[in-house]
């Protein structure tokens, strides 16, 4: 995409002004940058959840910036407020609040799957409706942690407890999450 000359000149002016304000010790550019980072993080959070049912674990400070902007203010499209996106974002933020930020939890996430590099940064998640409200829940068995799990994980656990270790092992195994339902990433055409 080519940027028109007038826009480039305007971008240079904005960056120069921000640099001047930063050097002068003003807080305004930090507030602007913080808002931009929060918006970009929300886009990644929502798109990754919608496309792959993965919930990225963000640092608490970034989550606080997102909350300060407000999900209702963030989820506004050309047609006005997007109630569905606002509900999903609110549910995801609530679930992120419930995930522990401990070394034991990060080790449990790393141990789930060794074929992917950064598994401690994400959790499989699902969306369920409770009392006419969207509720995000963990969609994988992360025992021994007491988290809000989806109904299928809870059902698999109760079946495993009643029937033996085989069902428990199946419920703890990672479900296929790739397009087409396969257990591995599809090969891309060259």
N, C-alpha and C. Protein backbone atom coordinates (compact mmCIF):
# COMPACT_ATOMS: atom_id res chain seq x y z
N UNK A 1 0.85 -1.17 0.00
CA UNK A 1 0.00 0.00 0.00
C UNK A 1 0.89 1.23 0.00
N UNK A 2 0.59 2.16 -0.86
CA UNK A 2 1.38 3.38 -0.97
C UNK A 2 0.70 4.49 -0.17
N UNK A 3 1.50 5.19 0.60
CA UNK A 3 0.97 6.28 1.43
C UNK A 3 1.11 7.58 0.64
N UNK A 4 0.01 8.36 0.50
CA UNK A 4 0.11 9.63 -0.22
C UNK A 4 1.11 10.56 0.46
N UNK A 5 1.72 11.45 -0.34
CA UNK A 5 2.77 12.34 0.16
C UNK A 5 2.28 13.20 1.32
N UNK A 6 1.07 13.72 1.23
CA UNK A 6 0.54 14.58 2.29
C UNK A 6 0.43 13.84 3.62
N UNK A 7 0.04 12.56 3.55
CA UNK A 7 -0.08 11.75 4.77
C UNK A 7 1.29 11.50 5.40
N UNK A 8 2.30 11.25 4.56
CA UNK A 8 3.65 11.03 5.09
C UNK A 8 4.15 12.26 5.81
N UNK A 9 3.90 13.44 5.22
CA UNK A 9 4.33 14.67 5.86
C UNK A 9 3.62 14.85 7.20
N UNK A 10 2.33 14.50 7.25
CA UNK A 10 1.56 14.60 8.49
C UNK A 10 2.08 13.62 9.54
N UNK A 11 2.40 12.39 9.11
CA UNK A 11 2.94 11.40 10.05
C UNK A 11 4.28 11.86 10.62
N UNK A 12 5.13 12.42 9.76
CA UNK A 12 6.42 12.93 10.25
C UNK A 12 6.20 14.03 11.27
N UNK A 13 5.22 14.90 11.03
CA UNK A 13 4.93 16.00 11.96
C UNK A 13 4.44 15.44 13.31
N UNK A 14 3.56 14.43 13.25
CA UNK A 14 3.04 13.82 14.48
C UNK A 14 4.18 13.19 15.27
N UNK A 15 5.06 12.45 14.58
CA UNK A 15 6.19 11.82 15.27
C UNK A 15 7.14 12.86 15.84
N UNK A 16 7.39 13.93 15.09
CA UNK A 16 8.28 14.98 15.59
C UNK A 16 7.67 15.67 16.81
N UNK A 17 6.36 15.92 16.77
CA UNK A 17 5.70 16.55 17.91
C UNK A 17 5.73 15.64 19.12
N UNK A 18 5.49 14.34 18.90
CA UNK A 18 5.53 13.39 20.02
C UNK A 18 6.93 13.32 20.60
N UNK A 19 7.95 13.31 19.74
CA UNK A 19 9.33 13.27 20.23
C UNK A 19 9.64 14.51 21.05
N UNK A 20 9.20 15.68 20.56
CA UNK A 20 9.43 16.93 21.31
C UNK A 20 8.73 16.87 22.67
N UNK A 21 7.48 16.38 22.69
CA UNK A 21 6.74 16.29 23.95
C UNK A 21 7.41 15.30 24.91
N UNK A 22 7.91 14.19 24.37
CA UNK A 22 8.59 13.21 25.22
C UNK A 22 9.86 13.80 25.83
N UNK A 23 10.64 14.49 25.00
CA UNK A 23 11.86 15.12 25.51
C UNK A 23 11.56 16.21 26.53
N UNK A 24 10.41 16.86 26.39
CA UNK A 24 10.01 17.92 27.33
C UNK A 24 9.41 17.33 28.61
N UNK A 25 9.20 16.03 28.65
CA UNK A 25 8.66 15.38 29.86
C UNK A 25 7.15 15.45 29.96
N UNK A 26 6.46 15.73 28.87
CA UNK A 26 5.00 15.78 28.89
C UNK A 26 4.44 14.37 28.86
N UNK A 27 3.27 14.19 29.47
CA UNK A 27 2.67 12.85 29.58
C UNK A 27 1.73 12.52 28.42
N UNK A 28 1.34 13.49 27.63
CA UNK A 28 0.37 13.28 26.56
C UNK A 28 0.81 12.20 25.57
N UNK A 29 2.06 12.22 25.06
CA UNK A 29 2.41 11.17 24.08
C UNK A 29 2.35 9.77 24.68
N UNK A 30 2.69 9.62 25.96
CA UNK A 30 2.61 8.30 26.58
C UNK A 30 1.17 7.84 26.64
N UNK A 31 0.26 8.75 26.92
CA UNK A 31 -1.16 8.38 26.96
C UNK A 31 -1.63 7.93 25.57
N UNK A 32 -1.16 8.63 24.54
CA UNK A 32 -1.55 8.27 23.17
C UNK A 32 -0.96 6.90 22.81
N UNK A 33 0.34 6.72 23.07
CA UNK A 33 0.97 5.43 22.76
C UNK A 33 0.34 4.30 23.54
N UNK A 34 0.02 4.54 24.81
CA UNK A 34 -0.60 3.51 25.64
C UNK A 34 -1.96 3.12 25.06
N UNK A 35 -2.74 4.10 24.60
CA UNK A 35 -4.04 3.81 23.99
C UNK A 35 -3.87 3.01 22.71
N UNK A 36 -2.87 3.37 21.90
CA UNK A 36 -2.63 2.62 20.66
C UNK A 36 -2.24 1.18 20.96
N UNK A 37 -1.37 0.98 21.94
CA UNK A 37 -0.97 -0.38 22.31
C UNK A 37 -2.16 -1.18 22.80
N UNK A 38 -3.01 -0.54 23.60
CA UNK A 38 -4.18 -1.24 24.13
C UNK A 38 -5.13 -1.63 22.99
N UNK A 39 -5.35 -0.72 22.04
CA UNK A 39 -6.24 -1.03 20.91
C UNK A 39 -5.67 -2.17 20.06
N UNK A 40 -4.37 -2.13 19.79
CA UNK A 40 -3.76 -3.20 19.01
C UNK A 40 -3.86 -4.54 19.75
N UNK A 41 -3.68 -4.50 21.06
CA UNK A 41 -3.78 -5.72 21.85
C UNK A 41 -5.20 -6.29 21.81
N UNK A 42 -6.21 -5.43 21.85
CA UNK A 42 -7.60 -5.87 21.78
C UNK A 42 -7.88 -6.52 20.44
N UNK A 43 -7.38 -5.93 19.36
CA UNK A 43 -7.59 -6.51 18.04
C UNK A 43 -6.99 -7.91 17.98
N UNK A 44 -5.77 -8.08 18.50
CA UNK A 44 -5.13 -9.41 18.51
C UNK A 44 -5.93 -10.36 19.39
N UNK A 45 -6.34 -9.90 20.56
CA UNK A 45 -7.09 -10.74 21.49
C UNK A 45 -8.38 -11.25 20.85
N UNK A 46 -9.17 -10.36 20.27
CA UNK A 46 -10.45 -10.75 19.68
C UNK A 46 -10.27 -11.60 18.42
N UNK A 47 -9.38 -11.21 17.54
CA UNK A 47 -9.20 -11.96 16.30
C UNK A 47 -8.64 -13.36 16.55
N UNK A 48 -7.69 -13.48 17.46
CA UNK A 48 -7.14 -14.79 17.77
C UNK A 48 -8.20 -15.68 18.41
N UNK A 49 -9.01 -15.11 19.27
CA UNK A 49 -10.08 -15.90 19.88
C UNK A 49 -11.11 -16.32 18.84
N UNK A 50 -11.52 -15.40 17.99
CA UNK A 50 -12.54 -15.72 16.98
C UNK A 50 -12.04 -16.73 15.96
N UNK A 51 -10.78 -16.62 15.55
CA UNK A 51 -10.25 -17.49 14.50
C UNK A 51 -9.78 -18.83 15.00
N UNK A 52 -9.14 -18.86 16.19
CA UNK A 52 -8.51 -20.10 16.64
C UNK A 52 -8.97 -20.55 18.02
N UNK A 53 -9.84 -19.79 18.68
CA UNK A 53 -10.30 -20.10 20.05
C UNK A 53 -9.14 -20.12 21.04
N UNK A 54 -8.17 -19.24 20.79
CA UNK A 54 -7.02 -19.11 21.67
C UNK A 54 -7.14 -17.78 22.40
N UNK A 55 -6.87 -17.82 23.69
CA UNK A 55 -6.90 -16.62 24.52
C UNK A 55 -5.46 -16.29 24.90
N UNK A 56 -4.96 -15.14 24.44
CA UNK A 56 -3.61 -14.72 24.79
C UNK A 56 -3.60 -14.13 26.17
N UNK A 57 -2.62 -14.51 26.97
CA UNK A 57 -2.44 -13.99 28.32
C UNK A 57 -1.58 -12.73 28.24
N UNK A 58 -2.20 -11.58 28.48
CA UNK A 58 -1.48 -10.31 28.45
C UNK A 58 -1.02 -9.91 29.84
N UNK A 59 0.02 -9.10 29.94
CA UNK A 59 0.46 -8.61 31.25
C UNK A 59 -0.64 -7.78 31.92
N UNK A 60 -0.68 -7.79 33.25
CA UNK A 60 -1.72 -7.04 33.97
C UNK A 60 -1.78 -5.55 33.60
N UNK A 61 -0.63 -4.93 33.37
CA UNK A 61 -0.63 -3.50 33.03
C UNK A 61 -1.37 -3.24 31.72
N UNK A 62 -1.14 -4.09 30.73
CA UNK A 62 -1.83 -3.94 29.45
C UNK A 62 -3.33 -4.17 29.61
N UNK A 63 -3.71 -5.14 30.43
CA UNK A 63 -5.13 -5.38 30.69
C UNK A 63 -5.77 -4.17 31.37
N UNK A 64 -5.04 -3.54 32.27
CA UNK A 64 -5.55 -2.33 32.92
C UNK A 64 -5.74 -1.20 31.93
N UNK A 65 -4.83 -1.07 30.97
CA UNK A 65 -4.98 -0.04 29.93
C UNK A 65 -6.23 -0.31 29.09
N UNK A 66 -6.46 -1.58 28.77
CA UNK A 66 -7.65 -1.94 27.99
C UNK A 66 -8.91 -1.60 28.78
N UNK A 67 -8.92 -1.95 30.06
CA UNK A 67 -10.09 -1.65 30.91
C UNK A 67 -10.30 -0.14 31.06
N UNK A 68 -9.21 0.61 31.14
CA UNK A 68 -9.33 2.06 31.27
C UNK A 68 -10.00 2.67 30.04
N UNK A 69 -9.74 2.09 28.87
CA UNK A 69 -10.40 2.59 27.65
C UNK A 69 -11.86 2.16 27.62
N UNK A 70 -12.16 1.00 28.18
CA UNK A 70 -13.53 0.50 28.23
C UNK A 70 -13.91 -0.29 27.00
N UNK A 71 -14.36 -1.56 27.19
CA UNK A 71 -14.76 -2.38 26.05
C UNK A 71 -15.83 -1.72 25.18
N UNK A 72 -16.75 -1.00 25.78
CA UNK A 72 -17.81 -0.36 24.99
C UNK A 72 -17.24 0.74 24.09
N UNK A 73 -16.18 1.41 24.52
CA UNK A 73 -15.55 2.44 23.70
C UNK A 73 -14.67 1.84 22.62
N UNK A 74 -14.12 0.67 22.87
CA UNK A 74 -13.22 0.03 21.92
C UNK A 74 -14.02 -0.63 20.79
N UNK A 75 -15.09 -1.31 21.12
CA UNK A 75 -15.86 -2.11 20.17
C UNK A 75 -16.93 -1.28 19.48
N UNK A 76 -16.48 -0.32 18.71
CA UNK A 76 -17.39 0.54 17.95
C UNK A 76 -16.97 0.46 16.50
N UNK A 77 -17.91 0.13 15.64
CA UNK A 77 -17.62 0.02 14.22
C UNK A 77 -18.27 1.16 13.46
N UNK A 78 -18.23 1.10 12.14
CA UNK A 78 -18.83 2.15 11.33
C UNK A 78 -20.33 2.30 11.55
N UNK A 79 -20.98 1.19 11.94
CA UNK A 79 -22.43 1.23 12.18
C UNK A 79 -22.80 1.56 13.61
N UNK A 80 -21.82 1.87 14.42
CA UNK A 80 -22.09 2.17 15.83
C UNK A 80 -21.52 1.10 16.74
N UNK A 81 -21.97 1.07 17.99
CA UNK A 81 -21.44 0.09 18.95
C UNK A 81 -21.74 -1.35 18.52
N UNK A 82 -20.79 -2.23 18.74
CA UNK A 82 -20.93 -3.65 18.43
C UNK A 82 -21.13 -4.38 19.75
N UNK A 83 -22.39 -4.68 20.07
CA UNK A 83 -22.73 -5.29 21.36
C UNK A 83 -22.11 -6.68 21.50
N UNK A 84 -22.07 -7.45 20.41
CA UNK A 84 -21.51 -8.80 20.48
C UNK A 84 -20.01 -8.75 20.81
N UNK A 85 -19.26 -7.91 20.10
CA UNK A 85 -17.83 -7.79 20.36
C UNK A 85 -17.56 -7.26 21.77
N UNK A 86 -18.40 -6.34 22.23
CA UNK A 86 -18.25 -5.80 23.59
C UNK A 86 -18.46 -6.90 24.63
N UNK A 87 -19.46 -7.74 24.41
CA UNK A 87 -19.74 -8.84 25.34
C UNK A 87 -18.60 -9.86 25.34
N UNK A 88 -18.09 -10.18 24.15
CA UNK A 88 -16.99 -11.15 24.05
C UNK A 88 -15.74 -10.59 24.72
N UNK A 89 -15.42 -9.32 24.45
CA UNK A 89 -14.24 -8.72 25.06
C UNK A 89 -14.37 -8.68 26.57
N UNK A 90 -15.54 -8.33 27.08
CA UNK A 90 -15.75 -8.31 28.53
C UNK A 90 -15.58 -9.70 29.13
N UNK A 91 -16.09 -10.73 28.46
CA UNK A 91 -15.96 -12.11 28.95
C UNK A 91 -14.50 -12.55 28.94
N UNK A 92 -13.76 -12.21 27.88
CA UNK A 92 -12.36 -12.58 27.80
C UNK A 92 -11.54 -11.89 28.90
N UNK A 93 -11.82 -10.61 29.14
CA UNK A 93 -11.12 -9.90 30.21
C UNK A 93 -11.41 -10.51 31.57
N UNK A 94 -12.67 -10.92 31.78
CA UNK A 94 -13.02 -11.56 33.05
C UNK A 94 -12.27 -12.88 33.23
N UNK A 95 -12.17 -13.67 32.15
CA UNK A 95 -11.44 -14.94 32.24
C UNK A 95 -9.95 -14.69 32.48
N UNK A 96 -9.39 -13.68 31.83
CA UNK A 96 -7.98 -13.37 32.04
C UNK A 96 -7.70 -13.00 33.49
N UNK A 97 -8.69 -12.37 34.15
CA UNK A 97 -8.53 -12.03 35.57
C UNK A 97 -8.46 -13.28 36.44
N UNK A 98 -9.08 -14.37 36.00
CA UNK A 98 -9.14 -15.58 36.80
C UNK A 98 -7.94 -16.51 36.59
N UNK A 99 -7.17 -16.28 35.52
CA UNK A 99 -6.00 -17.13 35.27
C UNK A 99 -4.88 -16.73 36.21
N UNK A 100 -4.27 -17.69 36.91
CA UNK A 100 -3.20 -17.34 37.84
C UNK A 100 -1.94 -16.91 37.10
N UNK A 101 -1.20 -16.01 37.70
CA UNK A 101 0.06 -15.55 37.12
C UNK A 101 1.19 -16.07 37.99
N UNK A 102 1.34 -17.40 38.01
CA UNK A 102 2.36 -18.04 38.84
C UNK A 102 3.26 -18.88 37.96
N UNK A 103 4.41 -19.20 38.47
CA UNK A 103 5.36 -20.04 37.73
C UNK A 103 4.78 -21.45 37.52
N UNK A 104 4.07 -21.97 38.51
CA UNK A 104 3.46 -23.30 38.37
C UNK A 104 2.46 -23.33 37.22
N UNK A 105 1.68 -22.28 37.06
CA UNK A 105 0.71 -22.22 35.97
C UNK A 105 1.43 -22.12 34.63
N UNK A 106 2.46 -21.30 34.55
CA UNK A 106 3.22 -21.18 33.31
C UNK A 106 3.88 -22.52 32.95
N UNK A 107 4.38 -23.25 33.94
CA UNK A 107 4.97 -24.56 33.67
C UNK A 107 3.92 -25.54 33.16
N UNK A 108 2.73 -25.48 33.72
CA UNK A 108 1.65 -26.36 33.27
C UNK A 108 1.29 -26.06 31.82
N UNK A 109 1.26 -24.77 31.46
CA UNK A 109 0.96 -24.40 30.08
C UNK A 109 2.06 -24.86 29.13
N UNK A 110 3.30 -24.72 29.53
CA UNK A 110 4.43 -25.17 28.70
C UNK A 110 4.40 -26.67 28.50
N UNK A 111 4.00 -27.41 29.51
CA UNK A 111 4.01 -28.87 29.45
C UNK A 111 2.92 -29.44 28.56
N UNK A 112 1.90 -28.65 28.24
CA UNK A 112 0.78 -29.17 27.45
C UNK A 112 1.21 -29.63 26.07
N UNK A 113 2.04 -28.86 25.43
CA UNK A 113 2.34 -29.15 24.03
C UNK A 113 3.75 -28.67 23.73
N UNK A 114 4.59 -29.59 23.35
CA UNK A 114 5.99 -29.22 23.11
C UNK A 114 6.27 -28.87 21.66
N UNK A 115 5.32 -29.09 20.75
CA UNK A 115 5.58 -28.79 19.35
C UNK A 115 5.38 -27.32 19.00
N UNK A 116 4.78 -26.55 19.89
CA UNK A 116 4.63 -25.12 19.67
C UNK A 116 5.52 -24.37 20.64
N UNK A 117 6.16 -23.33 20.16
CA UNK A 117 7.17 -22.64 20.96
C UNK A 117 6.60 -21.92 22.17
N UNK A 118 5.61 -21.08 21.97
CA UNK A 118 5.15 -20.23 23.06
C UNK A 118 3.78 -20.68 23.56
N UNK A 119 3.76 -21.75 24.32
CA UNK A 119 2.48 -22.25 24.83
C UNK A 119 2.13 -21.65 26.18
N UNK A 120 3.07 -21.02 26.85
CA UNK A 120 2.73 -20.42 28.14
C UNK A 120 2.03 -19.09 27.96
N UNK A 121 1.99 -18.58 26.74
CA UNK A 121 1.35 -17.29 26.50
C UNK A 121 -0.10 -17.38 26.11
N UNK A 122 -0.63 -18.61 25.96
CA UNK A 122 -2.01 -18.72 25.50
C UNK A 122 -2.72 -19.90 26.15
N UNK A 123 -4.05 -19.84 26.09
CA UNK A 123 -4.92 -20.87 26.65
C UNK A 123 -6.05 -21.10 25.65
N UNK A 124 -6.44 -22.38 25.42
CA UNK A 124 -7.62 -22.65 24.61
C UNK A 124 -8.83 -22.17 25.40
N UNK A 125 -9.75 -21.51 24.74
CA UNK A 125 -10.92 -20.96 25.43
C UNK A 125 -12.17 -21.17 24.60
N UNK A 126 -13.30 -21.14 25.28
CA UNK A 126 -14.60 -21.26 24.64
C UNK A 126 -15.55 -20.24 25.21
N UNK A 127 -16.62 -19.99 24.50
CA UNK A 127 -17.61 -19.00 24.93
C UNK A 127 -18.92 -19.73 25.20
N UNK A 128 -19.48 -19.51 26.39
CA UNK A 128 -20.77 -20.11 26.75
C UNK A 128 -21.69 -19.01 27.25
N UNK A 129 -22.99 -19.27 27.15
CA UNK A 129 -23.97 -18.31 27.63
C UNK A 129 -24.47 -18.76 29.01
N UNK A 130 -24.41 -17.86 29.97
CA UNK A 130 -24.92 -18.12 31.31
C UNK A 130 -25.76 -16.92 31.73
N UNK A 131 -27.02 -17.17 32.06
CA UNK A 131 -27.93 -16.09 32.47
C UNK A 131 -27.96 -14.97 31.43
N UNK A 132 -28.03 -15.34 30.15
CA UNK A 132 -28.07 -14.40 29.03
C UNK A 132 -26.84 -13.51 28.95
N UNK A 133 -25.72 -13.96 29.48
CA UNK A 133 -24.46 -13.23 29.38
C UNK A 133 -23.39 -14.15 28.81
N UNK A 134 -22.50 -13.56 28.01
CA UNK A 134 -21.39 -14.32 27.46
C UNK A 134 -20.37 -14.59 28.57
N UNK A 135 -19.91 -15.82 28.63
CA UNK A 135 -18.92 -16.23 29.64
C UNK A 135 -17.80 -16.97 28.92
N UNK A 136 -16.58 -16.48 29.02
CA UNK A 136 -15.43 -17.18 28.46
C UNK A 136 -14.92 -18.17 29.49
N UNK A 137 -14.60 -19.38 29.01
CA UNK A 137 -14.12 -20.43 29.92
C UNK A 137 -12.96 -21.16 29.27
N UNK A 138 -12.16 -21.81 30.09
CA UNK A 138 -11.01 -22.56 29.62
C UNK A 138 -11.51 -23.83 28.93
N UNK A 139 -11.01 -24.10 27.72
CA UNK A 139 -11.48 -25.24 26.93
C UNK A 139 -10.44 -26.34 26.84
N UNK A 140 -9.63 -26.48 27.87
CA UNK A 140 -8.67 -27.57 27.96
C UNK A 140 -8.50 -27.91 29.43
N UNK A 141 -8.14 -29.13 29.70
CA UNK A 141 -8.00 -29.57 31.08
C UNK A 141 -6.64 -29.15 31.63
N UNK A 142 -6.64 -28.22 32.54
CA UNK A 142 -5.40 -27.73 33.14
C UNK A 142 -5.35 -28.09 34.62
N UNK A 143 -5.61 -29.35 34.91
CA UNK A 143 -5.51 -29.78 36.30
C UNK A 143 -4.11 -29.53 36.81
N UNK A 144 -3.92 -29.21 38.01
CA UNK A 144 -4.77 -29.18 39.17
C UNK A 144 -5.40 -27.80 39.41
N UNK A 145 -5.35 -26.91 38.44
CA UNK A 145 -5.84 -25.55 38.65
C UNK A 145 -7.35 -25.51 38.57
N UNK A 146 -7.95 -24.83 39.53
CA UNK A 146 -9.40 -24.67 39.61
C UNK A 146 -9.78 -23.42 38.82
N UNK A 147 -10.22 -23.63 37.58
CA UNK A 147 -10.56 -22.54 36.67
C UNK A 147 -11.98 -22.74 36.17
N UNK A 148 -12.58 -21.72 35.58
CA UNK A 148 -13.89 -21.92 34.96
C UNK A 148 -13.71 -22.68 33.64
N UNK A 149 -14.08 -23.96 33.63
CA UNK A 149 -13.92 -24.81 32.46
C UNK A 149 -15.22 -24.89 31.67
N UNK A 150 -15.10 -25.14 30.36
CA UNK A 150 -16.28 -25.30 29.51
C UNK A 150 -17.01 -26.59 29.89
N UNK A 151 -18.25 -26.67 29.47
CA UNK A 151 -19.09 -27.82 29.83
C UNK A 151 -18.51 -29.13 29.31
N UNK A 152 -17.92 -29.12 28.11
CA UNK A 152 -17.39 -30.38 27.56
C UNK A 152 -16.18 -30.87 28.36
N UNK A 153 -15.38 -29.97 28.89
CA UNK A 153 -14.24 -30.39 29.73
C UNK A 153 -14.77 -30.97 31.04
N UNK A 154 -15.75 -30.33 31.64
CA UNK A 154 -16.32 -30.85 32.89
C UNK A 154 -17.00 -32.20 32.68
N UNK A 155 -17.69 -32.36 31.55
CA UNK A 155 -18.34 -33.63 31.26
C UNK A 155 -17.30 -34.73 31.04
N UNK A 156 -16.23 -34.41 30.32
CA UNK A 156 -15.18 -35.41 30.09
C UNK A 156 -14.51 -35.80 31.40
N UNK A 157 -14.34 -34.83 32.30
CA UNK A 157 -13.75 -35.14 33.59
C UNK A 157 -14.63 -36.09 34.39
N UNK A 158 -15.94 -35.82 34.42
CA UNK A 158 -16.83 -36.67 35.22
C UNK A 158 -16.93 -38.05 34.60
N UNK A 159 -16.90 -38.13 33.28
CA UNK A 159 -16.90 -39.43 32.61
C UNK A 159 -15.62 -40.19 32.94
N UNK A 160 -14.49 -39.47 32.92
CA UNK A 160 -13.21 -40.10 33.22
C UNK A 160 -13.15 -40.58 34.65
N UNK A 161 -13.71 -39.84 35.58
CA UNK A 161 -13.70 -40.25 36.97
C UNK A 161 -14.57 -41.49 37.18
N UNK A 162 -15.66 -41.58 36.42
CA UNK A 162 -16.58 -42.71 36.59
C UNK A 162 -16.09 -43.96 35.85
N UNK A 163 -15.44 -43.79 34.68
CA UNK A 163 -15.10 -44.93 33.83
C UNK A 163 -13.65 -45.37 33.90
N UNK A 164 -12.77 -44.57 34.42
CA UNK A 164 -11.37 -44.99 34.49
C UNK A 164 -10.41 -43.98 33.90
N UNK A 165 -9.18 -44.40 33.81
CA UNK A 165 -8.12 -43.50 33.39
C UNK A 165 -8.14 -43.18 31.90
N UNK A 166 -8.65 -44.09 31.05
CA UNK A 166 -8.62 -43.85 29.62
C UNK A 166 -9.40 -42.60 29.24
N UNK A 167 -10.61 -42.44 29.75
CA UNK A 167 -11.41 -41.25 29.43
C UNK A 167 -10.76 -39.99 29.98
N UNK A 168 -10.14 -40.09 31.14
CA UNK A 168 -9.44 -38.94 31.70
C UNK A 168 -8.28 -38.53 30.79
N UNK A 169 -7.57 -39.51 30.25
CA UNK A 169 -6.47 -39.21 29.34
C UNK A 169 -6.97 -38.57 28.06
N UNK A 170 -8.10 -39.07 27.54
CA UNK A 170 -8.68 -38.50 26.33
C UNK A 170 -9.13 -37.07 26.58
N UNK A 171 -9.74 -36.81 27.72
CA UNK A 171 -10.21 -35.45 28.00
C UNK A 171 -9.06 -34.49 28.22
N UNK A 172 -7.93 -34.99 28.70
CA UNK A 172 -6.78 -34.12 28.94
C UNK A 172 -6.00 -33.86 27.66
N UNK A 173 -6.19 -34.70 26.64
CA UNK A 173 -5.47 -34.53 25.38
C UNK A 173 -5.97 -33.29 24.66
N UNK A 174 -5.08 -32.69 23.90
CA UNK A 174 -5.44 -31.50 23.16
C UNK A 174 -6.34 -31.87 21.98
N UNK A 175 -7.45 -31.15 21.84
CA UNK A 175 -8.35 -31.37 20.72
C UNK A 175 -7.75 -30.77 19.46
N UNK A 176 -8.09 -31.32 18.28
CA UNK A 176 -7.60 -30.72 17.05
C UNK A 176 -8.20 -29.32 16.89
N UNK A 177 -7.36 -28.34 16.67
CA UNK A 177 -7.82 -26.95 16.58
C UNK A 177 -7.48 -26.33 15.23
N UNK A 178 -7.04 -27.14 14.28
CA UNK A 178 -6.64 -26.59 13.00
C UNK A 178 -7.79 -26.66 12.01
N UNK A 179 -7.73 -25.81 10.99
CA UNK A 179 -8.76 -25.81 9.96
C UNK A 179 -8.86 -27.21 9.35
N UNK A 180 -10.03 -27.67 9.15
CA UNK A 180 -10.24 -29.01 8.62
C UNK A 180 -10.26 -30.08 9.69
N UNK A 181 -9.98 -29.71 10.96
CA UNK A 181 -10.07 -30.64 12.07
C UNK A 181 -8.89 -31.57 12.24
N UNK A 182 -7.82 -31.37 11.50
CA UNK A 182 -6.66 -32.25 11.63
C UNK A 182 -5.84 -31.98 12.88
N UNK A 183 -5.00 -32.94 13.25
CA UNK A 183 -4.17 -32.77 14.45
C UNK A 183 -2.92 -31.94 14.22
N UNK A 184 -2.62 -31.60 12.95
CA UNK A 184 -1.43 -30.79 12.66
C UNK A 184 -1.81 -29.67 11.71
N UNK A 185 -0.91 -28.70 11.62
CA UNK A 185 -1.16 -27.57 10.73
C UNK A 185 -1.23 -28.04 9.28
N UNK A 186 -2.17 -27.50 8.51
CA UNK A 186 -2.23 -27.89 7.10
C UNK A 186 -1.03 -27.31 6.35
N UNK A 187 -0.54 -28.07 5.37
CA UNK A 187 0.58 -27.59 4.57
C UNK A 187 0.09 -26.52 3.61
N UNK A 188 0.87 -25.45 3.51
CA UNK A 188 0.52 -24.38 2.59
C UNK A 188 1.10 -24.65 1.22
N UNK A 189 0.35 -24.33 0.15
CA UNK A 189 0.87 -24.55 -1.19
C UNK A 189 2.05 -23.63 -1.46
N UNK A 190 3.01 -24.12 -2.20
CA UNK A 190 4.19 -23.29 -2.51
C UNK A 190 4.03 -22.63 -3.83
